[in-house]
């Protein structure tokens, strides 16, 4: 593919949503389609599996182009998928999430039996649930059967929950609120 075709596709995708474009002529359709697909995949706003139905027909050119433009805008501040490689493997994520849910279940039982500590236990439940959402976002970001865009949104949710600095240095949160554990002496 010629660099000029990729440049043209980049310009098409960079225009604001709703910017009208002429449908490419029949003899240019396959080239424009391939270039937009390639650029969108490289920008991680289109999963390769979606090429079967995004820009599949010339008559949907404007609608599909606006769809990709909106995605580009929505994912502008989302981390790229390469950041998911820094996360633990799927088995470790599942183990941590399983421990989180077991701890949460234990807290639910304690709330029933320790009514006098319901406020403290309720806070521990909220902290545990917040940590679960972070670990679940990690699991979603690592899951290959999700589309690239969904995985990037999971990374965005993770970064927002962890904070920019912790995300940047790869400082993962605990899977349960460790600060609630009392050291046995």
N, C-alpha and C. Protein backbone atom coordinates (compact mmCIF):
# COMPACT_ATOMS: atom_id res chain seq x y z
N UNK A 1 0.85 -1.17 0.00
CA UNK A 1 0.00 0.00 0.00
C UNK A 1 0.90 1.24 0.00
N UNK A 2 0.54 2.19 -0.82
CA UNK A 2 1.34 3.41 -0.97
C UNK A 2 1.18 4.30 0.25
N UNK A 3 2.25 5.00 0.64
CA UNK A 3 2.17 5.91 1.78
C UNK A 3 1.08 6.98 1.60
N UNK A 4 0.87 7.42 0.37
CA UNK A 4 -0.16 8.45 0.13
C UNK A 4 -1.55 7.92 0.47
N UNK A 5 -1.80 6.64 0.23
CA UNK A 5 -3.10 6.05 0.57
C UNK A 5 -3.29 5.98 2.08
N UNK A 6 -2.22 5.64 2.79
CA UNK A 6 -2.29 5.58 4.25
C UNK A 6 -2.45 6.99 4.83
N UNK A 7 -1.78 7.96 4.23
CA UNK A 7 -1.92 9.35 4.67
C UNK A 7 -3.36 9.81 4.47
N UNK A 8 -3.92 9.51 3.29
CA UNK A 8 -5.31 9.87 2.99
C UNK A 8 -6.26 9.23 4.01
N UNK A 9 -6.04 7.97 4.34
CA UNK A 9 -6.89 7.29 5.32
C UNK A 9 -6.76 7.94 6.69
N UNK A 10 -5.56 8.35 7.05
CA UNK A 10 -5.34 9.03 8.33
C UNK A 10 -6.08 10.36 8.37
N UNK A 11 -6.05 11.09 7.27
CA UNK A 11 -6.77 12.36 7.19
C UNK A 11 -8.28 12.12 7.30
N UNK A 12 -8.78 11.11 6.62
CA UNK A 12 -10.20 10.79 6.70
C UNK A 12 -10.62 10.49 8.14
N UNK A 13 -9.81 9.71 8.85
CA UNK A 13 -10.16 9.34 10.22
C UNK A 13 -9.95 10.47 11.21
N UNK A 14 -9.14 11.44 10.87
CA UNK A 14 -8.84 12.54 11.77
C UNK A 14 -9.85 13.68 11.71
N UNK A 15 -10.68 13.70 10.71
CA UNK A 15 -11.70 14.74 10.59
C UNK A 15 -12.76 14.56 11.68
N UNK A 16 -13.42 15.63 12.08
CA UNK A 16 -14.46 15.51 13.11
C UNK A 16 -15.63 14.63 12.64
N UNK A 17 -16.31 14.05 13.61
CA UNK A 17 -17.49 13.24 13.31
C UNK A 17 -18.50 14.12 12.58
N UNK A 18 -19.09 13.59 11.54
CA UNK A 18 -20.10 14.32 10.79
C UNK A 18 -19.56 15.07 9.58
N UNK A 19 -18.25 15.14 9.44
CA UNK A 19 -17.67 15.80 8.26
C UNK A 19 -18.03 14.97 7.03
N UNK A 20 -18.75 15.58 6.09
CA UNK A 20 -19.19 14.79 4.93
C UNK A 20 -18.03 14.43 4.00
N UNK A 21 -18.06 13.22 3.52
CA UNK A 21 -17.06 12.72 2.57
C UNK A 21 -17.78 12.07 1.41
N UNK A 22 -17.21 12.21 0.25
CA UNK A 22 -17.76 11.53 -0.92
C UNK A 22 -17.37 10.07 -0.88
N UNK A 23 -18.29 9.22 -1.26
CA UNK A 23 -17.97 7.80 -1.36
C UNK A 23 -16.97 7.61 -2.49
N UNK A 24 -15.90 6.88 -2.23
CA UNK A 24 -14.89 6.67 -3.28
C UNK A 24 -15.51 5.98 -4.50
N UNK A 25 -15.00 6.30 -5.68
CA UNK A 25 -15.50 5.62 -6.89
C UNK A 25 -15.23 4.11 -6.81
N UNK A 26 -15.98 3.37 -7.54
CA UNK A 26 -15.91 1.90 -7.51
C UNK A 26 -14.48 1.41 -7.74
N UNK A 27 -13.77 2.01 -8.67
CA UNK A 27 -12.42 1.55 -8.98
C UNK A 27 -11.42 1.86 -7.86
N UNK A 28 -11.74 2.76 -6.93
CA UNK A 28 -10.86 3.12 -5.82
C UNK A 28 -11.34 2.53 -4.49
N UNK A 29 -12.55 1.97 -4.47
CA UNK A 29 -13.14 1.51 -3.22
C UNK A 29 -12.25 0.53 -2.46
N UNK A 30 -11.77 -0.49 -3.09
CA UNK A 30 -10.97 -1.51 -2.41
C UNK A 30 -9.70 -0.92 -1.81
N UNK A 31 -9.08 0.02 -2.51
CA UNK A 31 -7.86 0.65 -2.01
C UNK A 31 -8.14 1.52 -0.80
N UNK A 32 -9.18 2.34 -0.89
CA UNK A 32 -9.55 3.21 0.24
C UNK A 32 -9.99 2.36 1.43
N UNK A 33 -10.79 1.36 1.18
CA UNK A 33 -11.25 0.46 2.24
C UNK A 33 -10.06 -0.19 2.96
N UNK A 34 -9.13 -0.73 2.20
CA UNK A 34 -7.96 -1.39 2.79
C UNK A 34 -7.11 -0.40 3.58
N UNK A 35 -6.94 0.80 3.05
CA UNK A 35 -6.11 1.81 3.74
C UNK A 35 -6.77 2.25 5.05
N UNK A 36 -8.06 2.50 5.03
CA UNK A 36 -8.76 2.92 6.25
C UNK A 36 -8.74 1.78 7.27
N UNK A 37 -8.96 0.57 6.82
CA UNK A 37 -8.87 -0.58 7.73
C UNK A 37 -7.48 -0.66 8.38
N UNK A 38 -6.45 -0.56 7.57
CA UNK A 38 -5.09 -0.68 8.10
C UNK A 38 -4.77 0.41 9.11
N UNK A 39 -5.12 1.65 8.77
CA UNK A 39 -4.83 2.76 9.69
C UNK A 39 -5.66 2.61 10.97
N UNK A 40 -6.93 2.26 10.84
CA UNK A 40 -7.79 2.11 12.02
C UNK A 40 -7.30 0.98 12.92
N UNK A 41 -6.82 -0.09 12.34
CA UNK A 41 -6.27 -1.20 13.14
C UNK A 41 -4.99 -0.74 13.84
N UNK A 42 -4.14 -0.01 13.13
CA UNK A 42 -2.90 0.48 13.74
C UNK A 42 -3.15 1.51 14.84
N UNK A 43 -4.22 2.28 14.69
CA UNK A 43 -4.60 3.25 15.73
C UNK A 43 -5.33 2.57 16.90
N UNK A 44 -5.61 1.29 16.74
CA UNK A 44 -6.35 0.49 17.72
C UNK A 44 -7.74 1.05 17.99
N UNK A 45 -8.40 1.47 16.91
CA UNK A 45 -9.80 1.88 17.00
C UNK A 45 -10.70 0.89 16.25
N UNK A 46 -10.08 -0.13 15.69
CA UNK A 46 -10.80 -1.18 14.98
C UNK A 46 -10.09 -2.50 15.22
N UNK A 47 -10.85 -3.49 15.60
CA UNK A 47 -10.30 -4.83 15.77
C UNK A 47 -10.26 -5.50 14.39
N UNK A 48 -9.22 -6.25 14.10
CA UNK A 48 -9.17 -6.92 12.79
C UNK A 48 -10.41 -7.75 12.48
N UNK A 49 -11.05 -8.29 13.51
CA UNK A 49 -12.26 -9.11 13.28
C UNK A 49 -13.45 -8.26 12.83
N UNK A 50 -13.39 -6.95 13.06
CA UNK A 50 -14.49 -6.07 12.68
C UNK A 50 -14.46 -5.66 11.21
N UNK A 51 -13.37 -5.94 10.53
CA UNK A 51 -13.26 -5.52 9.13
C UNK A 51 -14.30 -6.20 8.24
N UNK A 52 -14.86 -7.29 8.72
CA UNK A 52 -15.90 -7.98 7.94
C UNK A 52 -17.15 -7.14 7.77
N UNK A 53 -17.42 -6.24 8.75
CA UNK A 53 -18.66 -5.47 8.65
C UNK A 53 -18.48 -3.96 8.78
N UNK A 54 -17.31 -3.47 9.14
CA UNK A 54 -17.05 -2.02 9.13
C UNK A 54 -16.39 -1.69 7.79
N UNK A 55 -16.98 -0.78 7.08
CA UNK A 55 -16.56 -0.43 5.71
C UNK A 55 -16.66 -1.64 4.78
N UNK A 56 -17.66 -2.45 5.02
CA UNK A 56 -17.85 -3.64 4.18
C UNK A 56 -18.52 -3.27 2.84
N UNK A 57 -19.34 -2.21 2.87
CA UNK A 57 -20.07 -1.81 1.66
C UNK A 57 -19.84 -0.32 1.41
N UNK A 58 -19.67 0.02 0.15
CA UNK A 58 -19.41 1.42 -0.22
C UNK A 58 -20.55 2.34 0.19
N UNK A 59 -21.78 1.85 0.13
CA UNK A 59 -22.92 2.72 0.47
C UNK A 59 -22.97 3.09 1.96
N UNK A 60 -22.22 2.37 2.79
CA UNK A 60 -22.14 2.69 4.23
C UNK A 60 -20.89 3.49 4.57
N UNK A 61 -20.20 4.02 3.57
CA UNK A 61 -18.92 4.69 3.78
C UNK A 61 -19.02 5.80 4.82
N UNK A 62 -19.96 6.72 4.66
CA UNK A 62 -20.07 7.85 5.58
C UNK A 62 -20.43 7.40 7.00
N UNK A 63 -21.36 6.49 7.11
CA UNK A 63 -21.78 6.00 8.43
C UNK A 63 -20.62 5.29 9.13
N UNK A 64 -19.95 4.42 8.42
CA UNK A 64 -18.83 3.69 9.02
C UNK A 64 -17.65 4.60 9.33
N UNK A 65 -17.40 5.58 8.46
CA UNK A 65 -16.32 6.52 8.71
C UNK A 65 -16.61 7.34 9.97
N UNK A 66 -17.84 7.79 10.13
CA UNK A 66 -18.21 8.52 11.35
C UNK A 66 -18.13 7.63 12.58
N UNK A 67 -18.48 6.36 12.42
CA UNK A 67 -18.35 5.40 13.52
C UNK A 67 -16.90 5.31 13.98
N UNK A 68 -15.97 5.19 13.03
CA UNK A 68 -14.56 5.11 13.36
C UNK A 68 -14.03 6.43 13.93
N UNK A 69 -14.51 7.54 13.41
CA UNK A 69 -14.11 8.85 13.94
C UNK A 69 -14.56 9.01 15.39
N UNK A 70 -15.76 8.58 15.67
CA UNK A 70 -16.27 8.67 17.05
C UNK A 70 -15.44 7.79 17.97
N UNK A 71 -15.14 6.60 17.51
CA UNK A 71 -14.28 5.70 18.30
C UNK A 71 -12.92 6.33 18.57
N UNK A 72 -12.36 6.94 17.54
CA UNK A 72 -11.05 7.58 17.69
C UNK A 72 -11.13 8.66 18.77
N UNK A 73 -12.18 9.44 18.75
CA UNK A 73 -12.35 10.49 19.76
C UNK A 73 -12.57 9.89 21.15
N UNK A 74 -13.40 8.85 21.21
CA UNK A 74 -13.69 8.21 22.50
C UNK A 74 -12.46 7.55 23.12
N UNK A 75 -11.58 7.04 22.29
CA UNK A 75 -10.40 6.33 22.78
C UNK A 75 -9.13 7.19 22.77
N UNK A 76 -9.29 8.48 22.52
CA UNK A 76 -8.12 9.36 22.42
C UNK A 76 -7.25 9.33 23.67
N UNK A 77 -7.87 9.23 24.83
CA UNK A 77 -7.09 9.23 26.07
C UNK A 77 -6.98 7.84 26.70
N UNK A 78 -7.35 6.82 25.96
CA UNK A 78 -7.23 5.44 26.47
C UNK A 78 -5.83 4.92 26.18
N UNK A 79 -5.25 4.17 27.12
CA UNK A 79 -3.92 3.58 26.87
C UNK A 79 -3.97 2.63 25.66
N UNK A 80 -2.84 2.50 25.03
CA UNK A 80 -2.73 1.55 23.92
C UNK A 80 -2.65 0.14 24.49
N UNK A 81 -3.00 -0.82 23.68
CA UNK A 81 -3.08 -2.20 24.11
C UNK A 81 -1.75 -2.76 24.61
N UNK A 82 -0.65 -2.21 24.16
CA UNK A 82 0.66 -2.68 24.60
C UNK A 82 0.81 -2.59 26.12
N UNK A 83 0.09 -1.65 26.74
CA UNK A 83 0.15 -1.52 28.20
C UNK A 83 -0.40 -2.75 28.92
N UNK A 84 -1.25 -3.51 28.26
CA UNK A 84 -1.79 -4.72 28.88
C UNK A 84 -0.71 -5.78 29.08
N UNK A 85 0.35 -5.71 28.32
CA UNK A 85 1.44 -6.68 28.45
C UNK A 85 2.14 -6.57 29.81
N UNK A 86 2.02 -5.42 30.46
CA UNK A 86 2.65 -5.23 31.77
C UNK A 86 1.83 -5.85 32.91
N UNK A 87 0.64 -6.27 32.61
CA UNK A 87 -0.24 -6.83 33.64
C UNK A 87 0.07 -8.31 33.85
N UNK A 88 -0.32 -8.83 35.02
CA UNK A 88 -0.09 -10.26 35.29
C UNK A 88 -0.83 -11.15 34.29
N UNK A 89 -0.43 -12.41 34.21
CA UNK A 89 -1.10 -13.33 33.29
C UNK A 89 -2.50 -13.66 33.79
N UNK A 90 -3.27 -14.23 32.90
CA UNK A 90 -4.69 -14.47 33.15
C UNK A 90 -4.91 -15.37 34.38
N UNK A 91 -4.10 -16.39 34.55
CA UNK A 91 -4.27 -17.31 35.68
C UNK A 91 -4.07 -16.60 37.01
N UNK A 92 -3.05 -15.77 37.10
CA UNK A 92 -2.80 -15.01 38.33
C UNK A 92 -3.93 -14.01 38.58
N UNK A 93 -4.40 -13.37 37.54
CA UNK A 93 -5.53 -12.45 37.69
C UNK A 93 -6.75 -13.18 38.23
N UNK A 94 -7.04 -14.34 37.67
CA UNK A 94 -8.19 -15.12 38.13
C UNK A 94 -8.03 -15.54 39.60
N UNK A 95 -6.82 -15.92 40.00
CA UNK A 95 -6.57 -16.30 41.40
C UNK A 95 -6.82 -15.12 42.34
N UNK A 96 -6.33 -13.95 41.97
CA UNK A 96 -6.52 -12.77 42.81
C UNK A 96 -8.00 -12.37 42.88
N UNK A 97 -8.68 -12.45 41.77
CA UNK A 97 -10.11 -12.11 41.76
C UNK A 97 -10.90 -13.11 42.60
N UNK A 98 -10.55 -14.38 42.50
CA UNK A 98 -11.21 -15.41 43.30
C UNK A 98 -11.00 -15.14 44.80
N UNK A 99 -9.79 -14.76 45.18
CA UNK A 99 -9.51 -14.43 46.57
C UNK A 99 -10.31 -13.20 47.00
N UNK A 100 -10.40 -12.22 46.14
CA UNK A 100 -11.17 -11.01 46.43
C UNK A 100 -12.63 -11.37 46.70
N UNK A 101 -13.20 -12.22 45.86
CA UNK A 101 -14.62 -12.59 46.02
C UNK A 101 -14.82 -13.42 47.29
N UNK A 102 -13.87 -14.27 47.64
CA UNK A 102 -13.97 -15.06 48.88
C UNK A 102 -13.89 -14.13 50.09
N UNK A 103 -13.00 -13.16 50.03
CA UNK A 103 -12.88 -12.18 51.12
C UNK A 103 -14.17 -11.37 51.24
N UNK A 104 -14.74 -11.00 50.12
CA UNK A 104 -16.00 -10.23 50.10
C UNK A 104 -17.12 -11.05 50.73
N UNK A 105 -17.17 -12.31 50.42
CA UNK A 105 -18.18 -13.21 50.99
C UNK A 105 -18.00 -13.31 52.51
N UNK A 106 -16.74 -13.39 52.95
CA UNK A 106 -16.45 -13.42 54.38
C UNK A 106 -16.93 -12.13 55.05
N UNK A 107 -16.71 -11.00 54.40
CA UNK A 107 -17.17 -9.72 54.96
C UNK A 107 -18.69 -9.68 55.06
N UNK A 108 -19.37 -10.20 54.05
CA UNK A 108 -20.84 -10.25 54.10
C UNK A 108 -21.33 -11.05 55.30
N UNK A 109 -20.68 -12.17 55.57
CA UNK A 109 -21.04 -13.00 56.71
C UNK A 109 -20.77 -12.25 58.01
N UNK A 110 -19.66 -11.58 58.07
CA UNK A 110 -19.30 -10.83 59.28
C UNK A 110 -20.28 -9.69 59.54
N UNK A 111 -20.77 -9.05 58.50
CA UNK A 111 -21.74 -7.96 58.66
C UNK A 111 -22.99 -8.49 59.36
N UNK A 112 -23.40 -9.72 59.02
CA UNK A 112 -24.58 -10.32 59.64
C UNK A 112 -24.35 -10.62 61.12
N UNK A 113 -23.14 -11.06 61.45
CA UNK A 113 -22.85 -11.49 62.81
C UNK A 113 -22.31 -10.37 63.70
N UNK A 114 -21.73 -9.36 63.09
CA UNK A 114 -21.11 -8.29 63.87
C UNK A 114 -21.79 -6.96 63.56
N UNK A 115 -23.05 -6.87 63.92
CA UNK A 115 -23.85 -5.68 63.63
C UNK A 115 -23.25 -4.42 64.25
N UNK A 116 -22.58 -4.56 65.38
CA UNK A 116 -21.99 -3.39 66.03
C UNK A 116 -20.82 -2.81 65.23
N UNK A 117 -20.28 -3.56 64.29
CA UNK A 117 -19.15 -3.11 63.46
C UNK A 117 -19.57 -2.92 61.99
N UNK A 118 -20.88 -2.79 61.78
CA UNK A 118 -21.40 -2.73 60.41
C UNK A 118 -20.81 -1.57 59.61
N UNK A 119 -20.56 -0.44 60.24
CA UNK A 119 -20.02 0.71 59.51
C UNK A 119 -18.58 0.43 59.03
N UNK A 120 -17.75 -0.16 59.90
CA UNK A 120 -16.38 -0.48 59.53
C UNK A 120 -16.36 -1.59 58.47
N UNK A 121 -17.18 -2.59 58.68
CA UNK A 121 -17.24 -3.69 57.72
C UNK A 121 -17.82 -3.23 56.38
N UNK A 122 -18.78 -2.32 56.44
CA UNK A 122 -19.35 -1.76 55.20
C UNK A 122 -18.30 -1.03 54.38
N UNK A 123 -17.43 -0.29 55.07
CA UNK A 123 -16.34 0.39 54.38
C UNK A 123 -15.37 -0.62 53.76
N UNK A 124 -15.10 -1.70 54.48
CA UNK A 124 -14.22 -2.75 53.96
C UNK A 124 -14.85 -3.40 52.72
N UNK A 125 -16.17 -3.58 52.74
CA UNK A 125 -16.88 -4.13 51.58
C UNK A 125 -16.72 -3.21 50.37
N UNK A 126 -16.91 -1.90 50.59
CA UNK A 126 -16.78 -0.95 49.49
C UNK A 126 -15.35 -0.94 48.93
N UNK A 127 -14.36 -0.99 49.83
CA UNK A 127 -12.96 -1.04 49.37
C UNK A 127 -12.69 -2.32 48.58
N UNK A 128 -13.22 -3.43 49.06
CA UNK A 128 -13.03 -4.72 48.38
C UNK A 128 -13.67 -4.69 47.00
N UNK A 129 -14.85 -4.12 46.91
CA UNK A 129 -15.54 -4.02 45.61
C UNK A 129 -14.79 -3.10 44.65
N UNK A 130 -14.24 -2.01 45.17
CA UNK A 130 -13.46 -1.10 44.32
C UNK A 130 -12.22 -1.83 43.77
N UNK A 131 -11.55 -2.60 44.62
CA UNK A 131 -10.38 -3.36 44.18
C UNK A 131 -10.78 -4.45 43.19
N UNK A 132 -11.95 -5.06 43.42
CA UNK A 132 -12.44 -6.06 42.47
C UNK A 132 -12.61 -5.44 41.09
N UNK A 133 -13.19 -4.24 41.02
CA UNK A 133 -13.40 -3.60 39.72
C UNK A 133 -12.07 -3.33 39.01
N UNK A 134 -11.04 -2.99 39.77
CA UNK A 134 -9.72 -2.77 39.15
C UNK A 134 -9.14 -4.08 38.62
N UNK A 135 -9.22 -5.13 39.42
CA UNK A 135 -8.68 -6.42 38.97
C UNK A 135 -9.51 -7.00 37.82
N UNK A 136 -10.81 -6.74 37.85
CA UNK A 136 -11.65 -7.19 36.74
C UNK A 136 -11.29 -6.42 35.46
N UNK A 137 -10.99 -5.14 35.58
CA UNK A 137 -10.55 -4.36 34.41
C UNK A 137 -9.24 -4.93 33.86
N UNK A 138 -8.34 -5.35 34.76
CA UNK A 138 -7.09 -5.97 34.29
C UNK A 138 -7.40 -7.25 33.51
N UNK A 139 -8.32 -8.05 34.06
CA UNK A 139 -8.67 -9.31 33.40
C UNK A 139 -9.28 -9.03 32.02
N UNK A 140 -10.15 -8.03 31.93
CA UNK A 140 -10.77 -7.69 30.65
C UNK A 140 -9.72 -7.19 29.65
N UNK A 141 -8.75 -6.43 30.13
CA UNK A 141 -7.70 -5.91 29.24
C UNK A 141 -6.81 -7.02 28.70
N UNK A 142 -6.66 -8.10 29.45
CA UNK A 142 -5.81 -9.22 29.04
C UNK A 142 -6.55 -10.27 28.21
N UNK A 143 -7.84 -10.16 28.12
CA UNK A 143 -8.66 -11.19 27.48
C UNK A 143 -8.66 -11.03 25.96
N UNK A 144 -8.02 -11.97 25.28
CA UNK A 144 -7.85 -11.88 23.83
C UNK A 144 -9.14 -11.99 23.02
N UNK A 145 -10.17 -12.56 23.59
CA UNK A 145 -11.37 -12.70 22.78
C UNK A 145 -12.23 -11.43 22.77
N UNK A 146 -11.89 -10.44 23.61
CA UNK A 146 -12.55 -9.13 23.52
C UNK A 146 -11.93 -8.33 22.39
N UNK A 147 -12.72 -7.47 21.79
CA UNK A 147 -12.20 -6.58 20.76
C UNK A 147 -11.17 -5.63 21.35
N UNK A 148 -10.27 -5.17 20.52
CA UNK A 148 -9.20 -4.26 20.93
C UNK A 148 -9.78 -3.02 21.62
N UNK A 149 -10.85 -2.48 21.08
CA UNK A 149 -11.42 -1.26 21.64
C UNK A 149 -11.95 -1.49 23.05
N UNK A 150 -12.58 -2.62 23.29
CA UNK A 150 -13.09 -2.94 24.62
C UNK A 150 -11.93 -3.11 25.61
N UNK A 151 -10.87 -3.74 25.15
CA UNK A 151 -9.70 -3.94 26.01
C UNK A 151 -9.04 -2.60 26.35
N UNK A 152 -9.00 -1.70 25.38
CA UNK A 152 -8.44 -0.37 25.65
C UNK A 152 -9.31 0.40 26.64
N UNK A 153 -10.63 0.26 26.54
CA UNK A 153 -11.51 0.90 27.51
C UNK A 153 -11.30 0.33 28.91
N UNK A 154 -11.02 -0.96 28.99
CA UNK A 154 -10.71 -1.58 30.28
C UNK A 154 -9.42 -1.00 30.85
N UNK A 155 -8.43 -0.79 30.00
CA UNK A 155 -7.18 -0.16 30.45
C UNK A 155 -7.42 1.27 30.92
N UNK A 156 -8.30 1.98 30.24
CA UNK A 156 -8.64 3.34 30.65
C UNK A 156 -9.30 3.34 32.02
N UNK A 157 -10.24 2.41 32.21
CA UNK A 157 -10.91 2.28 33.51
C UNK A 157 -9.90 1.94 34.61
N UNK A 158 -8.96 1.07 34.29
CA UNK A 158 -7.93 0.69 35.24
C UNK A 158 -7.06 1.90 35.60
N UNK A 159 -6.61 2.62 34.60
CA UNK A 159 -5.77 3.80 34.85
C UNK A 159 -6.50 4.84 35.69
N UNK A 160 -7.78 5.06 35.38
CA UNK A 160 -8.56 6.03 36.15
C UNK A 160 -8.72 5.58 37.60
N UNK A 161 -8.88 4.28 37.81
CA UNK A 161 -9.04 3.75 39.17
C UNK A 161 -7.76 3.71 39.98
N UNK A 162 -6.64 3.48 39.29
CA UNK A 162 -5.34 3.41 39.97
C UNK A 162 -4.70 4.77 40.15
N UNK A 163 -4.95 5.67 39.21
CA UNK A 163 -4.26 6.94 39.15
C UNK A 163 -3.19 6.87 38.07
N UNK A 164 -2.93 8.00 37.46
CA UNK A 164 -1.99 8.05 36.33
C UNK A 164 -0.59 7.59 36.71
N UNK A 165 -0.10 8.06 37.86
CA UNK A 165 1.27 7.75 38.25
C UNK A 165 1.45 6.25 38.53
N UNK A 166 0.54 5.68 39.32
CA UNK A 166 0.63 4.25 39.64
C UNK A 166 0.52 3.41 38.37
N UNK A 167 -0.36 3.82 37.45
CA UNK A 167 -0.50 3.09 36.19
C UNK A 167 0.77 3.17 35.37
N UNK A 168 1.36 4.36 35.32
CA UNK A 168 2.56 4.57 34.51
C UNK A 168 3.73 3.73 34.99
N UNK A 169 3.87 3.56 36.29
CA UNK A 169 5.00 2.78 36.81
C UNK A 169 4.66 1.31 37.02
N UNK A 170 3.40 0.95 36.77
CA UNK A 170 3.00 -0.45 36.89
C UNK A 170 2.81 -0.91 38.33
N UNK A 171 2.45 0.01 39.20
CA UNK A 171 2.23 -0.30 40.61
C UNK A 171 0.81 -0.81 40.79
N UNK A 172 0.67 -2.12 40.83
CA UNK A 172 -0.66 -2.73 40.90
C UNK A 172 -1.24 -2.62 42.31
N UNK A 173 -2.55 -2.43 42.40
CA UNK A 173 -3.18 -2.39 43.71
C UNK A 173 -3.28 -3.80 44.28
N UNK A 174 -3.44 -3.92 45.61
CA UNK A 174 -3.67 -5.25 46.16
C UNK A 174 -5.04 -5.75 45.71
N UNK A 175 -5.27 -7.04 45.79
CA UNK A 175 -6.58 -7.56 45.36
C UNK A 175 -7.62 -7.45 46.46
N UNK A 176 -7.19 -7.26 47.69
CA UNK A 176 -8.07 -7.01 48.83
C UNK A 176 -7.46 -5.87 49.64
N UNK A 177 -8.25 -5.19 50.45
CA UNK A 177 -7.70 -4.08 51.24
C UNK A 177 -6.77 -4.60 52.34
N UNK A 178 -5.51 -4.77 52.00
CA UNK A 178 -4.53 -5.33 52.93
C UNK A 178 -4.42 -4.53 54.22
N UNK A 179 -4.68 -3.24 54.14
CA UNK A 179 -4.58 -2.38 55.31
C UNK A 179 -5.63 -2.73 56.36
N UNK A 180 -6.60 -3.55 56.01
CA UNK A 180 -7.64 -3.99 56.95
C UNK A 180 -7.20 -5.22 57.75
N UNK A 181 -6.12 -5.85 57.32
CA UNK A 181 -5.65 -7.06 58.00
C UNK A 181 -4.82 -6.66 59.22
N UNK A 182 -5.05 -7.33 60.31
CA UNK A 182 -4.29 -7.08 61.54
C UNK A 182 -3.20 -8.13 61.63
N UNK A 183 -1.99 -7.68 61.88
CA UNK A 183 -0.86 -8.61 61.98
C UNK A 183 -1.01 -9.45 63.25
N UNK A 184 -0.84 -10.74 63.12
CA UNK A 184 -0.90 -11.65 64.28
C UNK A 184 0.46 -11.61 64.97
N UNK A 185 0.42 -11.52 66.27
CA UNK A 185 1.68 -11.47 67.04
C UNK A 185 1.75 -12.61 67.98
